Structures are given as C-alpha cells and as structure tokens.
Amino acid sequence: MQLVSRKNFLIFLAAILVVALAYMAMTLARQRSTPSSSTSYQKEITNMESQSDSDRVGDIEKDLNETDLSDVDKELQDIDKELNTY
C-alpha cells in the first residue's frame, strides 16, 4: 500500500511542478509582450520637436514631408488589442 501512496505523492509533485513552470512561462511572456518601444516614441517626439518655427509654406511642407505617419494605424491596433486582453 505504501507504493501506491508514494506513486500518488510523486504524481502530485509533478503536477505542482508543471503548474509552477506554466505560471513562470506566462509571467515571462507577459513581460516580454509589454511595449518596450519607448525609444521609437522618443525618436518620433524628438523629430517633431525639431521642426522649424517658420510659418513659410516651404518650411511647413518640409516639416509635413518629414513627419512619418505610416505606423499610426499599427500602433492604434496594438493599443486596442492590449486593451481587449485585460
């Protein structure tokens, strides 16, 4: 009878180990999925702040052409996805 209880104990320990490893994996995955692209935002903000103060049409067109808005939709989709996960 002691063999059966020892076997159950080992199965119980294995189950706890699996649950602990799954919890660690989920925690690490959640940490990695957090947005760490603050440096790209900082670059964009720096670019916007470096725009000219002139109100001439040529300078305004130059500033508009240098402003990169191609990723705006992607960032909004990422934000929407993140809000829907919680």
PDB file of N, CA and C in Angstrom:
ATOM      1  N   MET A   1       0.813  -1.191   0.000  1.00  0.00           N
ATOM      2  CA  MET A   1       0.000   0.000   0.000  1.00  0.00           C
ATOM      3  C   MET A   1       0.858   1.258   0.000  1.00  0.00           C
ATOM      4  N   GLN A   2       2.056   1.161   0.576  1.00  0.00           N
ATOM      5  CA  GLN A   2       2.930   2.325   0.616  1.00  0.00           C
ATOM      6  C   GLN A   2       3.403   2.699  -0.784  1.00  0.00           C
ATOM      7  N   LEU A   3       3.516   1.759  -1.677  1.00  0.00           N
ATOM      8  CA  LEU A   3       3.932   2.028  -3.050  1.00  0.00           C
ATOM      9  C   LEU A   3       2.894   2.885  -3.767  1.00  0.00           C
ATOM     10  N   VAL A   4       1.622   2.631  -3.515  1.00  0.00           N
ATOM     11  CA  VAL A   4       0.557   3.405  -4.153  1.00  0.00           C
ATOM     12  C   VAL A   4       0.564   4.848  -3.638  1.00  0.00           C
ATOM     13  N   SER A   5       0.717   5.053  -2.346  1.00  0.00           N
ATOM     14  CA  SER A   5       0.707   6.403  -1.804  1.00  0.00           C
ATOM     15  C   SER A   5       1.955   7.169  -2.245  1.00  0.00           C
ATOM     16  N   ARG A   6       3.069   6.474  -2.383  1.00  0.00           N
ATOM     17  CA  ARG A   6       4.294   7.125  -2.859  1.00  0.00           C
ATOM     18  C   ARG A   6       4.131   7.543  -4.321  1.00  0.00           C
ATOM     19  N   LYS A   7       3.484   6.693  -5.099  1.00  0.00           N
ATOM     20  CA  LYS A   7       3.246   6.996  -6.506  1.00  0.00           C
ATOM     21  C   LYS A   7       2.329   8.218  -6.625  1.00  0.00           C
ATOM     22  N   ASN A   8       1.276   8.275  -5.824  1.00  0.00           N
ATOM     23  CA  ASN A   8       0.365   9.420  -5.828  1.00  0.00           C
ATOM     24  C   ASN A   8       1.091  10.701  -5.403  1.00  0.00           C
ATOM     25  N   PHE A   9       1.969  10.591  -4.448  1.00  0.00           N
ATOM     26  CA  PHE A   9       2.735  11.741  -3.985  1.00  0.00           C
ATOM     27  C   PHE A   9       3.639  12.272  -5.102  1.00  0.00           C
ATOM     28  N   LEU A  10       4.283  11.372  -5.837  1.00  0.00           N
ATOM     29  CA  LEU A  10       5.139  11.799  -6.942  1.00  0.00           C
ATOM     30  C   LEU A  10       4.328  12.436  -8.074  1.00  0.00           C
ATOM     31  N   ILE A  11       3.147  11.904  -8.329  1.00  0.00           N
ATOM     32  CA  ILE A  11       2.269  12.492  -9.340  1.00  0.00           C
ATOM     33  C   ILE A  11       1.831  13.886  -8.889  1.00  0.00           C
ATOM     34  N   PHE A  12       1.527  14.032  -7.615  1.00  0.00           N
ATOM     35  CA  PHE A  12       1.142  15.331  -7.068  1.00  0.00           C
ATOM     36  C   PHE A  12       2.289  16.338  -7.194  1.00  0.00           C
ATOM     37  N   LEU A  13       3.508  15.940  -6.876  1.00  0.00           N
ATOM     38  CA  LEU A  13       4.654  16.831  -7.013  1.00  0.00           C
ATOM     39  C   LEU A  13       4.892  17.212  -8.475  1.00  0.00           C
ATOM     40  N   ALA A  14       4.734  16.264  -9.376  1.00  0.00           N
ATOM     41  CA  ALA A  14       4.908  16.544 -10.796  1.00  0.00           C
ATOM     42  C   ALA A  14       3.863  17.541 -11.281  1.00  0.00           C
ATOM     43  N   ALA A  15       2.633  17.406 -10.803  1.00  0.00           N
ATOM     44  CA  ALA A  15       1.571  18.330 -11.187  1.00  0.00           C
ATOM     45  C   ALA A  15       1.869  19.740 -10.674  1.00  0.00           C
ATOM     46  N   ILE A  16       2.343  19.851  -9.454  1.00  0.00           N
ATOM     47  CA  ILE A  16       2.702  21.159  -8.906  1.00  0.00           C
ATOM     48  C   ILE A  16       3.844  21.771  -9.706  1.00  0.00           C
ATOM     49  N   LEU A  17       4.813  20.962 -10.093  1.00  0.00           N
ATOM     50  CA  LEU A  17       5.931  21.449 -10.890  1.00  0.00           C
ATOM     51  C   LEU A  17       5.463  21.965 -12.253  1.00  0.00           C
ATOM     52  N   VAL A  18       4.553  21.242 -12.872  1.00  0.00           N
ATOM     53  CA  VAL A  18       4.022  21.668 -14.171  1.00  0.00           C
ATOM     54  C   VAL A  18       3.267  22.985 -14.033  1.00  0.00           C
ATOM     55  N   VAL A  19       2.466  23.125 -13.001  1.00  0.00           N
ATOM     56  CA  VAL A  19       1.713  24.360 -12.785  1.00  0.00           C
ATOM     57  C   VAL A  19       2.669  25.524 -12.525  1.00  0.00           C
ATOM     58  N   ALA A  20       3.698  25.305 -11.722  1.00  0.00           N
ATOM     59  CA  ALA A  20       4.667  26.366 -11.423  1.00  0.00           C
ATOM     60  C   ALA A  20       5.418  26.790 -12.682  1.00  0.00           C
ATOM     61  N   LEU A  21       5.825  25.835 -13.506  1.00  0.00           N
ATOM     62  CA  LEU A  21       6.527  26.166 -14.747  1.00  0.00           C
ATOM     63  C   LEU A  21       5.618  26.899 -15.728  1.00  0.00           C
ATOM     64  N   ALA A  22       4.364  26.504 -15.792  1.00  0.00           N
ATOM     65  CA  ALA A  22       3.412  27.196 -16.671  1.00  0.00           C
ATOM     66  C   ALA A  22       3.202  28.626 -16.201  1.00  0.00           C
ATOM     67  N   TYR A  23       3.104  28.827 -14.908  1.00  0.00           N
ATOM     68  CA  TYR A  23       2.940  30.175 -14.357  1.00  0.00           C
ATOM     69  C   TYR A  23       4.166  31.038 -14.679  1.00  0.00           C
ATOM     70  N   MET A  24       5.364  30.481 -14.526  1.00  0.00           N
ATOM     71  CA  MET A  24       6.573  31.225 -14.851  1.00  0.00           C
ATOM     72  C   MET A  24       6.618  31.580 -16.338  1.00  0.00           C
ATOM     73  N   ALA A  25       6.241  30.649 -17.188  1.00  0.00           N
ATOM     74  CA  ALA A  25       6.251  30.897 -18.634  1.00  0.00           C
ATOM     75  C   ALA A  25       5.262  32.001 -18.998  1.00  0.00           C
ATOM     76  N   MET A  26       4.089  31.973 -18.410  1.00  0.00           N
ATOM     77  CA  MET A  26       3.091  33.015 -18.691  1.00  0.00           C
ATOM     78  C   MET A  26       3.575  34.374 -18.203  1.00  0.00           C
ATOM     79  N   THR A  27       4.198  34.419 -17.038  1.00  0.00           N
ATOM     80  CA  THR A  27       4.713  35.672 -16.499  1.00  0.00           C
ATOM     81  C   THR A  27       5.805  36.236 -17.391  1.00  0.00           C
ATOM     82  N   LEU A  28       6.730  35.393 -17.838  1.00  0.00           N
ATOM     83  CA  LEU A  28       7.788  35.857 -18.726  1.00  0.00           C
ATOM     84  C   LEU A  28       7.236  36.314 -20.067  1.00  0.00           C
ATOM     85  N   ALA A  29       6.250  35.615 -20.590  1.00  0.00           N
ATOM     86  CA  ALA A  29       5.649  36.005 -21.870  1.00  0.00           C
ATOM     87  C   ALA A  29       4.941  37.336 -21.735  1.00  0.00           C
ATOM     88  N   ARG A  30       4.279  37.554 -20.623  1.00  0.00           N
ATOM     89  CA  ARG A  30       3.577  38.814 -20.399  1.00  0.00           C
ATOM     90  C   ARG A  30       4.574  39.964 -20.281  1.00  0.00           C
ATOM     91  N   GLN A  31       5.716  39.732 -19.636  1.00  0.00           N
ATOM     92  CA  GLN A  31       6.728  40.775 -19.504  1.00  0.00           C
ATOM     93  C   GLN A  31       7.345  41.110 -20.853  1.00  0.00           C
ATOM     94  N   ARG A  32       7.545  40.120 -21.681  1.00  0.00           N
ATOM     95  CA  ARG A  32       8.134  40.358 -22.994  1.00  0.00           C
ATOM     96  C   ARG A  32       7.161  41.048 -23.931  1.00  0.00           C
ATOM     97  N   SER A  33       5.864  40.869 -23.727  1.00  0.00           N
ATOM     98  CA  SER A  33       4.889  41.460 -24.632  1.00  0.00           C
ATOM     99  C   SER A  33       4.562  42.904 -24.280  1.00  0.00           C
ATOM    100  N   THR A  34       5.071  43.392 -23.150  1.00  0.00           N
ATOM    101  CA  THR A  34       4.826  44.783 -22.804  1.00  0.00           C
ATOM    102  C   THR A  34       5.566  45.676 -23.774  1.00  0.00           C
ATOM    103  N   PRO A  35       4.960  46.773 -24.146  1.00  0.00           N
ATOM    104  CA  PRO A  35       5.596  47.637 -25.130  1.00  0.00           C
ATOM    105  C   PRO A  35       6.906  48.207 -24.609  1.00  0.00           C
ATOM    106  N   SER A  36       7.982  47.853 -25.253  1.00  0.00           N
ATOM    107  CA  SER A  36       9.286  48.379 -24.880  1.00  0.00           C
ATOM    108  C   SER A  36       9.830  49.273 -25.973  1.00  0.00           C
ATOM    109  N   SER A  37       8.939  49.788 -26.792  1.00  0.00           N
ATOM    110  CA  SER A  37       9.365  50.624 -27.906  1.00  0.00           C
ATOM    111  C   SER A  37       9.299  52.098 -27.542  1.00  0.00           C
ATOM    112  N   SER A  38       9.552  52.414 -26.282  1.00  0.00           N
ATOM    113  CA  SER A  38       9.532  53.813 -25.876  1.00  0.00           C
ATOM    114  C   SER A  38      10.631  54.595 -26.565  1.00  0.00           C
ATOM    115  N   THR A  39      11.703  53.913 -26.964  1.00  0.00           N
ATOM    116  CA  THR A  39      12.773  54.618 -27.666  1.00  0.00           C
ATOM    117  C   THR A  39      12.308  55.078 -29.040  1.00  0.00           C
ATOM    118  N   SER A  40      11.470  54.283 -29.704  1.00  0.00           N
ATOM    119  CA  SER A  40      10.966  54.726 -31.002  1.00  0.00           C
ATOM    120  C   SER A  40      10.031  55.915 -30.833  1.00  0.00           C
ATOM    121  N   TYR A  41       9.249  55.930 -29.759  1.00  0.00           N
ATOM    122  CA  TYR A  41       8.394  57.079 -29.491  1.00  0.00           C
ATOM    123  C   TYR A  41       9.246  58.317 -29.200  1.00  0.00           C
ATOM    124  N   GLN A  42      10.326  58.112 -28.452  1.00  0.00           N
ATOM    125  CA  GLN A  42      11.205  59.236 -28.142  1.00  0.00           C
ATOM    126  C   GLN A  42      11.827  59.810 -29.405  1.00  0.00           C
ATOM    127  N   LYS A  43      12.198  58.943 -30.347  1.00  0.00           N
ATOM    128  CA  LYS A  43      12.764  59.416 -31.608  1.00  0.00           C
ATOM    129  C   LYS A  43      11.737  60.237 -32.383  1.00  0.00           C
ATOM    130  N   GLU A  44      10.495  59.753 -32.417  1.00  0.00           N
ATOM    131  CA  GLU A  44       9.451  60.484 -33.125  1.00  0.00           C
ATOM    132  C   GLU A  44       9.163  61.830 -32.461  1.00  0.00           C
ATOM    133  N   ILE A  45       9.138  61.844 -31.153  1.00  0.00           N
ATOM    134  CA  ILE A  45       8.898  63.097 -30.436  1.00  0.00           C
ATOM    135  C   ILE A  45      10.039  64.068 -30.686  1.00  0.00           C
ATOM    136  N   THR A  46      11.268  63.573 -30.686  1.00  0.00           N
ATOM    137  CA  THR A  46      12.418  64.434 -30.972  1.00  0.00           C
ATOM    138  C   THR A  46      12.331  64.999 -32.376  1.00  0.00           C
ATOM    139  N   ASN A  47      11.909  64.168 -33.332  1.00  0.00           N
ATOM    140  CA  ASN A  47      11.749  64.657 -34.701  1.00  0.00           C
ATOM    141  C   ASN A  47      10.677  65.733 -34.787  1.00  0.00           C
ATOM    142  N   MET A  48       9.588  65.560 -34.059  1.00  0.00           N
ATOM    143  CA  MET A  48       8.532  66.564 -34.089  1.00  0.00           C
ATOM    144  C   MET A  48       8.976  67.869 -33.436  1.00  0.00           C
ATOM    145  N   GLU A  49       9.748  67.745 -32.370  1.00  0.00           N
ATOM    146  CA  GLU A  49      10.211  68.942 -31.684  1.00  0.00           C
ATOM    147  C   GLU A  49      11.262  69.691 -32.487  1.00  0.00           C
ATOM    148  N   SER A  50      11.908  69.012 -33.415  1.00  0.00           N
ATOM    149  CA  SER A  50      12.961  69.654 -34.199  1.00  0.00           C
ATOM    150  C   SER A  50      12.418  70.343 -35.443  1.00  0.00           C
ATOM    151  N   GLN A  51      11.117  70.415 -35.565  1.00  0.00           N
ATOM    152  CA  GLN A  51      10.531  71.084 -36.720  1.00  0.00           C
ATOM    153  C   GLN A  51      10.754  72.588 -36.614  1.00  0.00           C
ATOM    154  N   SER A  52      10.770  73.207 -37.758  1.00  0.00           N
ATOM    155  CA  SER A  52      11.063  74.641 -37.791  1.00  0.00           C
ATOM    156  C   SER A  52       9.902  75.452 -37.218  1.00  0.00           C
ATOM    157  N   ASP A  53      10.233  76.615 -36.739  1.00  0.00           N
ATOM    158  CA  ASP A  53       9.228  77.527 -36.193  1.00  0.00           C
ATOM    159  C   ASP A  53       8.704  78.495 -37.247  1.00  0.00           C
ATOM    160  N   SER A  54       9.198  78.345 -38.437  1.00  0.00           N
ATOM    161  CA  SER A  54       8.828  79.258 -39.511  1.00  0.00           C
ATOM    162  C   SER A  54       7.403  78.991 -39.966  1.00  0.00           C
ATOM    163  N   ASP A  55       6.742  80.030 -40.443  1.00  0.00           N
ATOM    164  CA  ASP A  55       5.381  79.869 -40.957  1.00  0.00           C
ATOM    165  C   ASP A  55       5.341  79.995 -42.477  1.00  0.00           C
ATOM    166  N   ARG A  56       6.500  79.874 -43.102  1.00  0.00           N
ATOM    167  CA  ARG A  56       6.538  79.906 -44.563  1.00  0.00           C
ATOM    168  C   ARG A  56       6.037  78.574 -45.111  1.00  0.00           C
ATOM    169  N   VAL A  57       5.404  78.640 -46.265  1.00  0.00           N
ATOM    170  CA  VAL A  57       4.782  77.457 -46.864  1.00  0.00           C
ATOM    171  C   VAL A  57       5.818  76.381 -47.148  1.00  0.00           C
ATOM    172  N   GLY A  58       6.950  76.748 -47.649  1.00  0.00           N
ATOM    173  CA  GLY A  58       8.000  75.776 -47.964  1.00  0.00           C
ATOM    174  C   GLY A  58       8.484  75.026 -46.727  1.00  0.00           C
ATOM    175  N   ASP A  59       8.650  75.746 -45.617  1.00  0.00           N
ATOM    176  CA  ASP A  59       9.087  75.116 -44.369  1.00  0.00           C
ATOM    177  C   ASP A  59       8.009  74.197 -43.801  1.00  0.00           C
ATOM    178  N   ILE A  60       6.756  74.609 -43.916  1.00  0.00           N
ATOM    179  CA  ILE A  60       5.651  73.777 -43.429  1.00  0.00           C
ATOM    180  C   ILE A  60       5.562  72.495 -44.260  1.00  0.00           C
ATOM    181  N   GLU A  61       5.706  72.609 -45.583  1.00  0.00           N
ATOM    182  CA  GLU A  61       5.680  71.419 -46.434  1.00  0.00           C
ATOM    183  C   GLU A  61       6.832  70.487 -46.104  1.00  0.00           C
ATOM    184  N   LYS A  62       8.000  71.058 -45.863  1.00  0.00           N
ATOM    185  CA  LYS A  62       9.169  70.235 -45.500  1.00  0.00           C
ATOM    186  C   LYS A  62       8.902  69.482 -44.198  1.00  0.00           C
ATOM    187  N   ASP A  63       8.344  70.163 -43.206  1.00  0.00           N
ATOM    188  CA  ASP A  63       8.038  69.518 -41.929  1.00  0.00           C
ATOM    189  C   ASP A  63       7.001  68.411 -42.107  1.00  0.00           C
ATOM    190  N   LEU A  64       5.992  68.656 -42.928  1.00  0.00           N
ATOM    191  CA  LEU A  64       4.968  67.637 -43.166  1.00  0.00           C
ATOM    192  C   LEU A  64       5.534  66.425 -43.881  1.00  0.00           C
ATOM    193  N   ASN A  65       6.422  66.646 -44.832  1.00  0.00           N
ATOM    194  CA  ASN A  65       7.036  65.534 -45.559  1.00  0.00           C
ATOM    195  C   ASN A  65       7.957  64.721 -44.668  1.00  0.00           C
ATOM    196  N   GLU A  66       8.589  65.355 -43.692  1.00  0.00           N
ATOM    197  CA  GLU A  66       9.490  64.640 -42.785  1.00  0.00           C
ATOM    198  C   GLU A  66       8.745  63.910 -41.676  1.00  0.00           C
ATOM    199  N   THR A  67       7.483  64.237 -41.448  1.00  0.00           N
ATOM    200  CA  THR A  67       6.696  63.576 -40.409  1.00  0.00           C
ATOM    201  C   THR A  67       6.216  62.232 -40.929  1.00  0.00           C
ATOM    202  N   ASP A  68       6.577  61.168 -40.207  1.00  0.00           N
ATOM    203  CA  ASP A  68       6.234  59.807 -40.618  1.00  0.00           C
ATOM    204  C   ASP A  68       4.962  59.367 -39.895  1.00  0.00           C
ATOM    205  N   LEU A  69       3.884  59.241 -40.648  1.00  0.00           N
ATOM    206  CA  LEU A  69       2.604  58.821 -40.071  1.00  0.00           C
ATOM    207  C   LEU A  69       2.201  57.426 -40.538  1.00  0.00           C
ATOM    208  N   SER A  70       3.137  56.681 -41.090  1.00  0.00           N
ATOM    209  CA  SER A  70       2.791  55.375 -41.654  1.00  0.00           C
ATOM    210  C   SER A  70       2.471  54.333 -40.586  1.00  0.00           C
ATOM    211  N   ASP A  71       2.979  54.494 -39.368  1.00  0.00           N
ATOM    212  CA  ASP A  71       2.761  53.497 -38.317  1.00  0.00           C
ATOM    213  C   ASP A  71       1.617  53.847 -37.377  1.00  0.00           C
ATOM    214  N   VAL A  72       0.893  54.912 -37.632  1.00  0.00           N
ATOM    215  CA  VAL A  72      -0.150  55.354 -36.706  1.00  0.00           C
ATOM    216  C   VAL A  72      -1.222  54.280 -36.549  1.00  0.00           C
ATOM    217  N   ASP A  73      -1.690  53.699 -37.631  1.00  0.00           N
ATOM    218  CA  ASP A  73      -2.729  52.668 -37.547  1.00  0.00           C
ATOM    219  C   ASP A  73      -2.234  51.435 -36.814  1.00  0.00           C
ATOM    220  N   LYS A  74      -1.005  51.040 -37.037  1.00  0.00           N
ATOM    221  CA  LYS A  74      -0.449  49.858 -36.379  1.00  0.00           C
ATOM    222  C   LYS A  74      -0.416  50.059 -34.871  1.00  0.00           C
ATOM    223  N   GLU A  75       0.008  51.226 -34.436  1.00  0.00           N
ATOM    224  CA  GLU A  75       0.070  51.495 -33.006  1.00  0.00           C
ATOM    225  C   GLU A  75      -1.327  51.508 -32.382  1.00  0.00           C
ATOM    226  N   LEU A  76      -2.304  52.038 -33.094  1.00  0.00           N
ATOM    227  CA  LEU A  76      -3.672  52.040 -32.569  1.00  0.00           C
ATOM    228  C   LEU A  76      -4.224  50.620 -32.468  1.00  0.00           C
ATOM    229  N   GLN A  77      -3.890  49.768 -33.433  1.00  0.00           N
ATOM    230  CA  GLN A  77      -4.330  48.376 -33.378  1.00  0.00           C
ATOM    231  C   GLN A  77      -3.681  47.665 -32.197  1.00  0.00           C
ATOM    232  N   ASP A  78      -2.394  47.949 -31.952  1.00  0.00           N
ATOM    233  CA  ASP A  78      -1.714  47.347 -30.804  1.00  0.00           C
ATOM    234  C   ASP A  78      -2.350  47.793 -29.490  1.00  0.00           C
ATOM    235  N   ILE A  79      -2.685  49.061 -29.400  1.00  0.00           N
ATOM    236  CA  ILE A  79      -3.326  49.582 -28.181  1.00  0.00           C
ATOM    237  C   ILE A  79      -4.693  48.940 -27.989  1.00  0.00           C
ATOM    238  N   ASP A  80      -5.463  48.837 -29.071  1.00  0.00           N
ATOM    239  CA  ASP A  80      -6.778  48.236 -28.994  1.00  0.00           C
ATOM    240  C   ASP A  80      -6.687  46.768 -28.583  1.00  0.00           C
ATOM    241  N   LYS A  81      -5.720  46.045 -29.141  1.00  0.00           N
ATOM    242  CA  LYS A  81      -5.525  44.638 -28.785  1.00  0.00           C
ATOM    243  C   LYS A  81      -5.145  44.507 -27.318  1.00  0.00           C
ATOM    244  N   GLU A  82      -4.268  45.394 -26.845  1.00  0.00           N
ATOM    245  CA  GLU A  82      -3.839  45.339 -25.450  1.00  0.00           C
ATOM    246  C   GLU A  82      -4.999  45.643 -24.498  1.00  0.00           C
ATOM    247  N   LEU A  83      -5.835  46.613 -24.871  1.00  0.00           N
ATOM    248  CA  LEU A  83      -6.984  46.938 -24.016  1.00  0.00           C
ATOM    249  C   LEU A  83      -7.999  45.795 -23.968  1.00  0.00           C
ATOM    250  N   ASN A  84      -8.147  45.066 -25.062  1.00  0.00           N
ATOM    251  CA  ASN A  84      -9.108  43.969 -25.106  1.00  0.00           C
ATOM    252  C   ASN A  84      -8.610  42.723 -24.402  1.00  0.00           C
ATOM    253  N   THR A  85      -7.300  42.604 -24.151  1.00  0.00           N
ATOM    254  CA  THR A  85      -6.782  41.417 -23.460  1.00  0.00           C
ATOM    255  C   THR A  85      -7.043  41.474 -21.972  1.00  0.00           C
ATOM    256  N   TYR A  86      -7.236  42.643 -21.420  1.00  0.00           N
ATOM    257  CA  TYR A  86      -7.449  42.754 -19.979  1.00  0.00           C
ATOM    258  C   TYR A  86      -8.870  42.894 -19.717  1.00  0.00           C
TER     259      TYR A  86
END
